[in-house]
Amino acid sequence: MSGRVIRIERISSRSGVVEEPAVTTKGYQLADPAHGKHKHHAEHATYVKTLDEAAALIERGFSLRMGAKGKAPSLIAPKSLRIVRPS
């Protein structure tokens, strides 16, 4: 896909909340599928500064940590994410 990423959405958000990609001091946090069942561990986290970089990794199978106000962030699988670009 081409074009600048406007946002990344969770296809089916938790009830009553709008989830956004979680941003840390290091950037957006993703999990590499190469680490299998341990990909959610902090030592295996991959950080990127932009949504464009995050989208490129999601398209390669990385999961994205997303959260909402009052809810702890959770790791969302790429199949449950929608990458939004301008039409």
PDB file of N, CA and C in Angstrom:
ATOM      1  N   MET A   1       0.838  -1.178   0.000  1.00  0.00           N
ATOM      2  CA  MET A   1       0.000   0.000   0.000  1.00  0.00           C
ATOM      3  C   MET A   1       0.879   1.235   0.000  1.00  0.00           C
ATOM      4  N   SER A   2       0.325   2.316  -0.530  1.00  0.00           N
ATOM      5  CA  SER A   2       1.098   3.549  -0.549  1.00  0.00           C
ATOM      6  C   SER A   2       0.287   4.679   0.061  1.00  0.00           C
ATOM      7  N   GLY A   3       0.946   5.782   0.329  1.00  0.00           N
ATOM      8  CA  GLY A   3       0.304   6.935   0.943  1.00  0.00           C
ATOM      9  C   GLY A   3       0.593   6.999   2.423  1.00  0.00           C
ATOM     10  N   ARG A   4       0.595   8.197   2.920  1.00  0.00           N
ATOM     11  CA  ARG A   4       0.885   8.438   4.328  1.00  0.00           C
ATOM     12  C   ARG A   4      -0.245   7.896   5.209  1.00  0.00           C
ATOM     13  N   VAL A   5       0.115   7.303   6.318  1.00  0.00           N
ATOM     14  CA  VAL A   5      -0.867   6.725   7.236  1.00  0.00           C
ATOM     15  C   VAL A   5      -1.499   7.840   8.063  1.00  0.00           C
ATOM     16  N   ILE A   6      -2.834   7.888   8.071  1.00  0.00           N
ATOM     17  CA  ILE A   6      -3.573   8.873   8.860  1.00  0.00           C
ATOM     18  C   ILE A   6      -3.761   8.365  10.279  1.00  0.00           C
ATOM     19  N   ARG A   7      -4.141   7.080  10.383  1.00  0.00           N
ATOM     20  CA  ARG A   7      -4.331   6.468  11.703  1.00  0.00           C
ATOM     21  C   ARG A   7      -4.354   4.950  11.558  1.00  0.00           C
ATOM     22  N   ILE A   8      -4.207   4.297  12.702  1.00  0.00           N
ATOM     23  CA  ILE A   8      -4.325   2.845  12.775  1.00  0.00           C
ATOM     24  C   ILE A   8      -5.424   2.568  13.782  1.00  0.00           C
ATOM     25  N   GLU A   9      -6.418   1.788  13.358  1.00  0.00           N
ATOM     26  CA  GLU A   9      -7.591   1.511  14.192  1.00  0.00           C
ATOM     27  C   GLU A   9      -7.678   0.034  14.519  1.00  0.00           C
ATOM     28  N   ARG A  10      -8.273  -0.240  15.668  1.00  0.00           N
ATOM     29  CA  ARG A  10      -8.614  -1.620  16.003  1.00  0.00           C
ATOM     30  C   ARG A  10      -9.972  -1.891  15.360  1.00  0.00           C
ATOM     31  N   ILE A  11     -10.098  -2.969  14.643  1.00  0.00           N
ATOM     32  CA  ILE A  11     -11.338  -3.278  13.925  1.00  0.00           C
ATOM     33  C   ILE A  11     -12.507  -3.418  14.888  1.00  0.00           C
ATOM     34  N   SER A  12     -12.321  -4.132  15.981  1.00  0.00           N
ATOM     35  CA  SER A  12     -13.381  -4.305  16.981  1.00  0.00           C
ATOM     36  C   SER A  12     -12.844  -3.867  18.341  1.00  0.00           C
ATOM     37  N   SER A  13     -13.011  -2.593  18.663  1.00  0.00           N
ATOM     38  CA  SER A  13     -12.522  -2.068  19.935  1.00  0.00           C
ATOM     39  C   SER A  13     -13.304  -2.643  21.098  1.00  0.00           C
ATOM     40  N   ARG A  14     -12.688  -2.564  22.277  1.00  0.00           N
ATOM     41  CA  ARG A  14     -13.392  -2.973  23.487  1.00  0.00           C
ATOM     42  C   ARG A  14     -14.625  -2.090  23.650  1.00  0.00           C
ATOM     43  N   SER A  15     -15.656  -2.633  24.191  1.00  0.00           N
ATOM     44  CA  SER A  15     -16.935  -1.952  24.332  1.00  0.00           C
ATOM     45  C   SER A  15     -16.815  -0.594  25.022  1.00  0.00           C
ATOM     46  N   GLY A  16     -17.360   0.427  24.382  1.00  0.00           N
ATOM     47  CA  GLY A  16     -17.451   1.753  24.976  1.00  0.00           C
ATOM     48  C   GLY A  16     -16.186   2.581  24.960  1.00  0.00           C
ATOM     49  N   VAL A  17     -15.123   2.117  24.299  1.00  0.00           N
ATOM     50  CA  VAL A  17     -13.882   2.889  24.265  1.00  0.00           C
ATOM     51  C   VAL A  17     -13.357   3.019  22.843  1.00  0.00           C
ATOM     52  N   VAL A  18     -12.604   4.077  22.617  1.00  0.00           N
ATOM     53  CA  VAL A  18     -11.914   4.258  21.342  1.00  0.00           C
ATOM     54  C   VAL A  18     -10.435   4.013  21.612  1.00  0.00           C
ATOM     55  N   GLU A  19      -9.904   2.965  21.028  1.00  0.00           N
ATOM     56  CA  GLU A  19      -8.506   2.610  21.269  1.00  0.00           C
ATOM     57  C   GLU A  19      -7.600   3.272  20.242  1.00  0.00           C
ATOM     58  N   GLU A  20      -6.452   3.718  20.735  1.00  0.00           N
ATOM     59  CA  GLU A  20      -5.440   4.383  19.918  1.00  0.00           C
ATOM     60  C   GLU A  20      -4.121   3.644  20.101  1.00  0.00           C
ATOM     61  N   PRO A  21      -3.222   3.748  19.120  1.00  0.00           N
ATOM     62  CA  PRO A  21      -1.890   3.175  19.338  1.00  0.00           C
ATOM     63  C   PRO A  21      -1.246   3.825  20.565  1.00  0.00           C
ATOM     64  N   ALA A  22      -0.713   2.994  21.443  1.00  0.00           N
ATOM     65  CA  ALA A  22      -0.067   3.504  22.658  1.00  0.00           C
ATOM     66  C   ALA A  22       1.290   4.094  22.289  1.00  0.00           C
ATOM     67  N   VAL A  23       1.558   5.291  22.793  1.00  0.00           N
ATOM     68  CA  VAL A  23       2.835   5.954  22.537  1.00  0.00           C
ATOM     69  C   VAL A  23       3.623   6.007  23.838  1.00  0.00           C
ATOM     70  N   THR A  24       4.842   5.522  23.798  1.00  0.00           N
ATOM     71  CA  THR A  24       5.732   5.576  24.955  1.00  0.00           C
ATOM     72  C   THR A  24       6.790   6.642  24.688  1.00  0.00           C
ATOM     73  N   THR A  25       7.685   6.818  25.621  1.00  0.00           N
ATOM     74  CA  THR A  25       8.780   7.780  25.402  1.00  0.00           C
ATOM     75  C   THR A  25       9.692   7.332  24.266  1.00  0.00           C
ATOM     76  N   LYS A  26       9.663   6.026  23.948  1.00  0.00           N
ATOM     77  CA  LYS A  26      10.475   5.488  22.853  1.00  0.00           C
ATOM     78  C   LYS A  26       9.729   5.492  21.524  1.00  0.00           C
ATOM     79  N   GLY A  27       8.422   5.726  21.548  1.00  0.00           N
ATOM     80  CA  GLY A  27       7.609   5.716  20.338  1.00  0.00           C
ATOM     81  C   GLY A  27       6.499   4.674  20.423  1.00  0.00           C
ATOM     82  N   TYR A  28       5.962   4.300  19.265  1.00  0.00           N
ATOM     83  CA  TYR A  28       4.913   3.279  19.202  1.00  0.00           C
ATOM     84  C   TYR A  28       5.557   1.921  19.462  1.00  0.00           C
ATOM     85  N   GLN A  29       4.876   1.086  20.267  1.00  0.00           N
ATOM     86  CA  GLN A  29       5.439  -0.209  20.649  1.00  0.00           C
ATOM     87  C   GLN A  29       4.779  -1.331  19.861  1.00  0.00           C
ATOM     88  N   LEU A  30       5.612  -2.149  19.231  1.00  0.00           N
ATOM     89  CA  LEU A  30       5.139  -3.294  18.465  1.00  0.00           C
ATOM     90  C   LEU A  30       5.836  -4.557  18.944  1.00  0.00           C
ATOM     91  N   ALA A  31       5.274  -5.705  18.565  1.00  0.00           N
ATOM     92  CA  ALA A  31       5.837  -6.994  18.952  1.00  0.00           C
ATOM     93  C   ALA A  31       6.159  -7.808  17.708  1.00  0.00           C
ATOM     94  N   ASP A  32       7.363  -8.325  17.664  1.00  0.00           N
ATOM     95  CA  ASP A  32       7.862  -9.103  16.537  1.00  0.00           C
ATOM     96  C   ASP A  32       7.334 -10.535  16.609  1.00  0.00           C
ATOM     97  N   PRO A  33       6.654 -11.012  15.564  1.00  0.00           N
ATOM     98  CA  PRO A  33       6.114 -12.375  15.582  1.00  0.00           C
ATOM     99  C   PRO A  33       7.201 -13.443  15.644  1.00  0.00           C
ATOM    100  N   ALA A  34       8.434 -13.091  15.348  1.00  0.00           N
ATOM    101  CA  ALA A  34       9.538 -14.054  15.396  1.00  0.00           C
ATOM    102  C   ALA A  34       9.780 -14.576  16.811  1.00  0.00           C
ATOM    103  N   HIS A  35       9.286 -13.848  17.829  1.00  0.00           N
ATOM    104  CA  HIS A  35       9.485 -14.258  19.216  1.00  0.00           C
ATOM    105  C   HIS A  35       8.354 -15.144  19.731  1.00  0.00           C
ATOM    106  N   GLY A  36       7.437 -15.534  18.852  1.00  0.00           N
ATOM    107  CA  GLY A  36       6.372 -16.479  19.201  1.00  0.00           C
ATOM    108  C   GLY A  36       5.600 -16.088  20.444  1.00  0.00           C
ATOM    109  N   LYS A  37       5.416 -17.034  21.346  1.00  0.00           N
ATOM    110  CA  LYS A  37       4.600 -16.784  22.533  1.00  0.00           C
ATOM    111  C   LYS A  37       5.261 -15.824  23.520  1.00  0.00           C
ATOM    112  N   HIS A  38       6.493 -15.431  23.265  1.00  0.00           N
ATOM    113  CA  HIS A  38       7.193 -14.487  24.139  1.00  0.00           C
ATOM    114  C   HIS A  38       7.230 -13.073  23.557  1.00  0.00           C
ATOM    115  N   LYS A  39       6.559 -12.863  22.430  1.00  0.00           N
ATOM    116  CA  LYS A  39       6.623 -11.559  21.764  1.00  0.00           C
ATOM    117  C   LYS A  39       6.089 -10.418  22.610  1.00  0.00           C
ATOM    118  N   HIS A  40       5.231 -10.702  23.576  1.00  0.00           N
ATOM    119  CA  HIS A  40       4.647  -9.643  24.399  1.00  0.00           C
ATOM    120  C   HIS A  40       5.593  -9.159  25.500  1.00  0.00           C
ATOM    121  N   HIS A  41       6.701  -9.829  25.693  1.00  0.00           N
ATOM    122  CA  HIS A  41       7.658  -9.432  26.728  1.00  0.00           C
ATOM    123  C   HIS A  41       8.382  -8.149  26.334  1.00  0.00           C
ATOM    124  N   ALA A  42       8.589  -7.280  27.309  1.00  0.00           N
ATOM    125  CA  ALA A  42       9.194  -5.958  27.071  1.00  0.00           C
ATOM    126  C   ALA A  42      10.551  -6.050  26.381  1.00  0.00           C
ATOM    127  N   GLU A  43      11.341  -7.058  26.712  1.00  0.00           N
ATOM    128  CA  GLU A  43      12.682  -7.149  26.113  1.00  0.00           C
ATOM    129  C   GLU A  43      12.641  -7.438  24.612  1.00  0.00           C
ATOM    130  N   HIS A  44      11.495  -7.854  24.095  1.00  0.00           N
ATOM    131  CA  HIS A  44      11.365  -8.131  22.663  1.00  0.00           C
ATOM    132  C   HIS A  44      10.622  -7.020  21.912  1.00  0.00           C
ATOM    133  N   ALA A  45      10.308  -5.936  22.580  1.00  0.00           N
ATOM    134  CA  ALA A  45       9.542  -4.856  21.960  1.00  0.00           C
ATOM    135  C   ALA A  45      10.361  -4.159  20.872  1.00  0.00           C
ATOM    136  N   THR A  46       9.656  -3.722  19.844  1.00  0.00           N
ATOM    137  CA  THR A  46      10.233  -2.913  18.770  1.00  0.00           C
ATOM    138  C   THR A  46       9.530  -1.568  18.825  1.00  0.00           C
ATOM    139  N   TYR A  47      10.296  -0.479  18.757  1.00  0.00           N
ATOM    140  CA  TYR A  47       9.727   0.865  18.838  1.00  0.00           C
ATOM    141  C   TYR A  47       9.985   1.618  17.545  1.00  0.00           C
ATOM    142  N   VAL A  48       8.970   2.374  17.108  1.00  0.00           N
ATOM    143  CA  VAL A  48       9.110   3.238  15.933  1.00  0.00           C
ATOM    144  C   VAL A  48       8.527   4.603  16.259  1.00  0.00           C
ATOM    145  N   LYS A  49       8.966   5.619  15.542  1.00  0.00           N
ATOM    146  CA  LYS A  49       8.552   6.997  15.832  1.00  0.00           C
ATOM    147  C   LYS A  49       7.290   7.435  15.090  1.00  0.00           C
ATOM    148  N   THR A  50       6.974   6.799  13.954  1.00  0.00           N
ATOM    149  CA  THR A  50       5.853   7.285  13.147  1.00  0.00           C
ATOM    150  C   THR A  50       4.829   6.178  12.877  1.00  0.00           C
ATOM    151  N   LEU A  51       3.618   6.607  12.543  1.00  0.00           N
ATOM    152  CA  LEU A  51       2.570   5.652  12.152  1.00  0.00           C
ATOM    153  C   LEU A  51       2.930   4.948  10.856  1.00  0.00           C
ATOM    154  N   ASP A  52       3.638   5.647   9.965  1.00  0.00           N
ATOM    155  CA  ASP A  52       4.060   5.021   8.707  1.00  0.00           C
ATOM    156  C   ASP A  52       4.990   3.841   8.974  1.00  0.00           C
ATOM    157  N   GLU A  53       5.931   4.029   9.896  1.00  0.00           N
ATOM    158  CA  GLU A  53       6.848   2.933  10.258  1.00  0.00           C
ATOM    159  C   GLU A  53       6.074   1.799  10.932  1.00  0.00           C
ATOM    160  N   ALA A  54       5.137   2.148  11.807  1.00  0.00           N
ATOM    161  CA  ALA A  54       4.327   1.136  12.484  1.00  0.00           C
ATOM    162  C   ALA A  54       3.509   0.341  11.464  1.00  0.00           C
ATOM    163  N   ALA A  55       2.904   1.023  10.509  1.00  0.00           N
ATOM    164  CA  ALA A  55       2.089   0.355   9.495  1.00  0.00           C
ATOM    165  C   ALA A  55       2.929  -0.620   8.668  1.00  0.00           C
ATOM    166  N   ALA A  56       4.150  -0.226   8.336  1.00  0.00           N
ATOM    167  CA  ALA A  56       5.034  -1.112   7.557  1.00  0.00           C
ATOM    168  C   ALA A  56       5.316  -2.396   8.331  1.00  0.00           C
ATOM    169  N   LEU A  57       5.512  -2.298   9.634  1.00  0.00           N
ATOM    170  CA  LEU A  57       5.766  -3.489  10.446  1.00  0.00           C
ATOM    171  C   LEU A  57       4.498  -4.324  10.626  1.00  0.00           C
ATOM    172  N   ILE A  58       3.356  -3.675  10.793  1.00  0.00           N
ATOM    173  CA  ILE A  58       2.088  -4.399  10.918  1.00  0.00           C
ATOM    174  C   ILE A  58       1.844  -5.229   9.652  1.00  0.00           C
ATOM    175  N   GLU A  59       2.147  -4.647   8.501  1.00  0.00           N
ATOM    176  CA  GLU A  59       1.977  -5.362   7.233  1.00  0.00           C
ATOM    177  C   GLU A  59       2.921  -6.557   7.125  1.00  0.00           C
ATOM    178  N   ARG A  60       3.971  -6.584   7.943  1.00  0.00           N
ATOM    179  CA  ARG A  60       4.918  -7.710   7.991  1.00  0.00           C
ATOM    180  C   ARG A  60       4.567  -8.683   9.116  1.00  0.00           C
ATOM    181  N   GLY A  61       3.430  -8.460   9.820  1.00  0.00           N
ATOM    182  CA  GLY A  61       2.977  -9.396  10.833  1.00  0.00           C
ATOM    183  C   GLY A  61       3.196  -8.994  12.276  1.00  0.00           C
ATOM    184  N   PHE A  62       3.729  -7.790  12.517  1.00  0.00           N
ATOM    185  CA  PHE A  62       3.937  -7.326  13.884  1.00  0.00           C
ATOM    186  C   PHE A  62       2.607  -6.946  14.523  1.00  0.00           C
ATOM    187  N   SER A  63       2.506  -7.137  15.830  1.00  0.00           N
ATOM    188  CA  SER A  63       1.335  -6.711  16.600  1.00  0.00           C
ATOM    189  C   SER A  63       1.617  -5.321  17.159  1.00  0.00           C
ATOM    190  N   LEU A  64       0.561  -4.555  17.419  1.00  0.00           N
ATOM    191  CA  LEU A  64       0.682  -3.186  17.921  1.00  0.00           C
ATOM    192  C   LEU A  64       0.025  -3.067  19.284  1.00  0.00           C
ATOM    193  N   ARG A  65       0.690  -2.385  20.201  1.00  0.00           N
ATOM    194  CA  ARG A  65       0.106  -2.152  21.523  1.00  0.00           C
ATOM    195  C   ARG A  65      -0.822  -0.946  21.421  1.00  0.00           C
ATOM    196  N   MET A  66      -2.086  -1.153  21.828  1.00  0.00           N
ATOM    197  CA  MET A  66      -3.095  -0.096  21.770  1.00  0.00           C
ATOM    198  C   MET A  66      -3.773   0.031  23.126  1.00  0.00           C
ATOM    199  N   GLY A  67      -4.276   1.219  23.411  1.00  0.00           N
ATOM    200  CA  GLY A  67      -4.958   1.446  24.675  1.00  0.00           C
ATOM    201  C   GLY A  67      -5.998   2.540  24.545  1.00  0.00           C
ATOM    202  N   ALA A  68      -6.719   2.771  25.630  1.00  0.00           N
ATOM    203  CA  ALA A  68      -7.747   3.807  25.695  1.00  0.00           C
ATOM    204  C   ALA A  68      -7.696   4.418  27.084  1.00  0.00           C
ATOM    205  N   LYS A  69      -8.243   5.609  27.207  1.00  0.00           N
ATOM    206  CA  LYS A  69      -8.256   6.279  28.497  1.00  0.00           C
ATOM    207  C   LYS A  69      -8.937   5.382  29.531  1.00  0.00           C
ATOM    208  N   GLY A  70      -8.230   5.158  30.642  1.00  0.00           N
ATOM    209  CA  GLY A  70      -8.772   4.328  31.709  1.00  0.00           C
ATOM    210  C   GLY A  70      -8.615   2.831  31.497  1.00  0.00           C
ATOM    211  N   LYS A  71      -8.019   2.420  30.390  1.00  0.00           N
ATOM    212  CA  LYS A  71      -7.813   0.996  30.086  1.00  0.00           C
ATOM    213  C   LYS A  71      -6.324   0.741  29.863  1.00  0.00           C
ATOM    214  N   ALA A  72      -5.841  -0.346  30.391  1.00  0.00           N
ATOM    215  CA  ALA A  72      -4.443  -0.712  30.176  1.00  0.00           C
ATOM    216  C   ALA A  72      -4.228  -1.074  28.704  1.00  0.00           C
ATOM    217  N   PRO A  73      -3.100  -0.667  28.116  1.00  0.00           N
ATOM    218  CA  PRO A  73      -2.821  -1.037  26.727  1.00  0.00           C
ATOM    219  C   PRO A  73      -2.684  -2.554  26.572  1.00  0.00           C
ATOM    220  N   SER A  74      -3.068  -3.055  25.409  1.00  0.00           N
ATOM    221  CA  SER A  74      -2.917  -4.478  25.126  1.00  0.00           C
ATOM    222  C   SER A  74      -2.376  -4.648  23.712  1.00  0.00           C
ATOM    223  N   LEU A  75      -1.808  -5.808  23.479  1.00  0.00           N
ATOM    224  CA  LEU A  75      -1.214  -6.120  22.189  1.00  0.00           C
ATOM    225  C   LEU A  75      -2.301  -6.598  21.231  1.00  0.00           C
ATOM    226  N   ILE A  76      -2.377  -5.957  20.072  1.00  0.00           N
ATOM    227  CA  ILE A  76      -3.418  -6.276  19.093  1.00  0.00           C
ATOM    228  C   ILE A  76      -2.776  -6.901  17.856  1.00  0.00           C
ATOM    229  N   ALA A  77      -3.293  -8.037  17.436  1.00  0.00           N
ATOM    230  CA  ALA A  77      -2.776  -8.759  16.268  1.00  0.00           C
ATOM    231  C   ALA A  77      -3.035  -7.965  14.987  1.00  0.00           C
ATOM    232  N   PRO A  78      -2.160  -8.113  14.005  1.00  0.00           N
ATOM    233  CA  PRO A  78      -2.320  -7.361  12.752  1.00  0.00           C
ATOM    234  C   PRO A  78      -3.651  -7.620  12.045  1.00  0.00           C
ATOM    235  N   LYS A  79      -4.197  -8.827  12.173  1.00  0.00           N
ATOM    236  CA  LYS A  79      -5.474  -9.136  11.513  1.00  0.00           C
ATOM    237  C   LYS A  79      -6.638  -8.361  12.135  1.00  0.00           C
ATOM    238  N   SER A  80      -6.425  -7.795  13.324  1.00  0.00           N
ATOM    239  CA  SER A  80      -7.464  -7.029  14.016  1.00  0.00           C
ATOM    240  C   SER A  80      -7.265  -5.526  13.880  1.00  0.00           C
ATOM    241  N   LEU A  81      -6.364  -5.125  12.980  1.00  0.00           N
ATOM    242  CA  LEU A  81      -6.061  -3.707  12.786  1.00  0.00           C
ATOM    243  C   LEU A  81      -6.423  -3.253  11.377  1.00  0.00           C
ATOM    244  N   ARG A  82      -6.783  -1.980  11.271  1.00  0.00           N
ATOM    245  CA  ARG A  82      -7.065  -1.348   9.977  1.00  0.00           C
ATOM    246  C   ARG A  82      -6.122  -0.141   9.845  1.00  0.00           C
ATOM    247  N   ILE A  83      -5.365  -0.103   8.761  1.00  0.00           N
ATOM    248  CA  ILE A  83      -4.477   1.015   8.489  1.00  0.00           C
ATOM    249  C   ILE A  83      -5.226   1.976   7.580  1.00  0.00           C
ATOM    250  N   VAL A  84      -5.377   3.226   8.023  1.00  0.00           N
ATOM    251  CA  VAL A  84      -6.168   4.212   7.276  1.00  0.00           C
ATOM    252  C   VAL A  84      -5.220   5.188   6.587  1.00  0.00           C
ATOM    253  N   ARG A  85      -5.400   5.291   5.273  1.00  0.00           N
ATOM    254  CA  ARG A  85      -4.627   6.235   4.447  1.00  0.00           C
ATOM    255  C   ARG A  85      -5.616   7.129   3.708  1.00  0.00           C
ATOM    256  N   PRO A  86      -5.159   8.309   3.250  1.00  0.00           N
ATOM    257  CA  PRO A  86      -6.088   9.173   2.503  1.00  0.00           C
ATOM    258  C   PRO A  86      -6.559   8.493   1.218  1.00  0.00           C
ATOM    259  N   SER A  87      -7.813   8.744   0.832  1.00  0.00           N
ATOM    260  CA  SER A  87      -8.318   8.108  -0.390  1.00  0.00           C
ATOM    261  C   SER A  87      -7.982   8.903  -1.622  1.00  0.00           C
TER     262      SER A  87
END
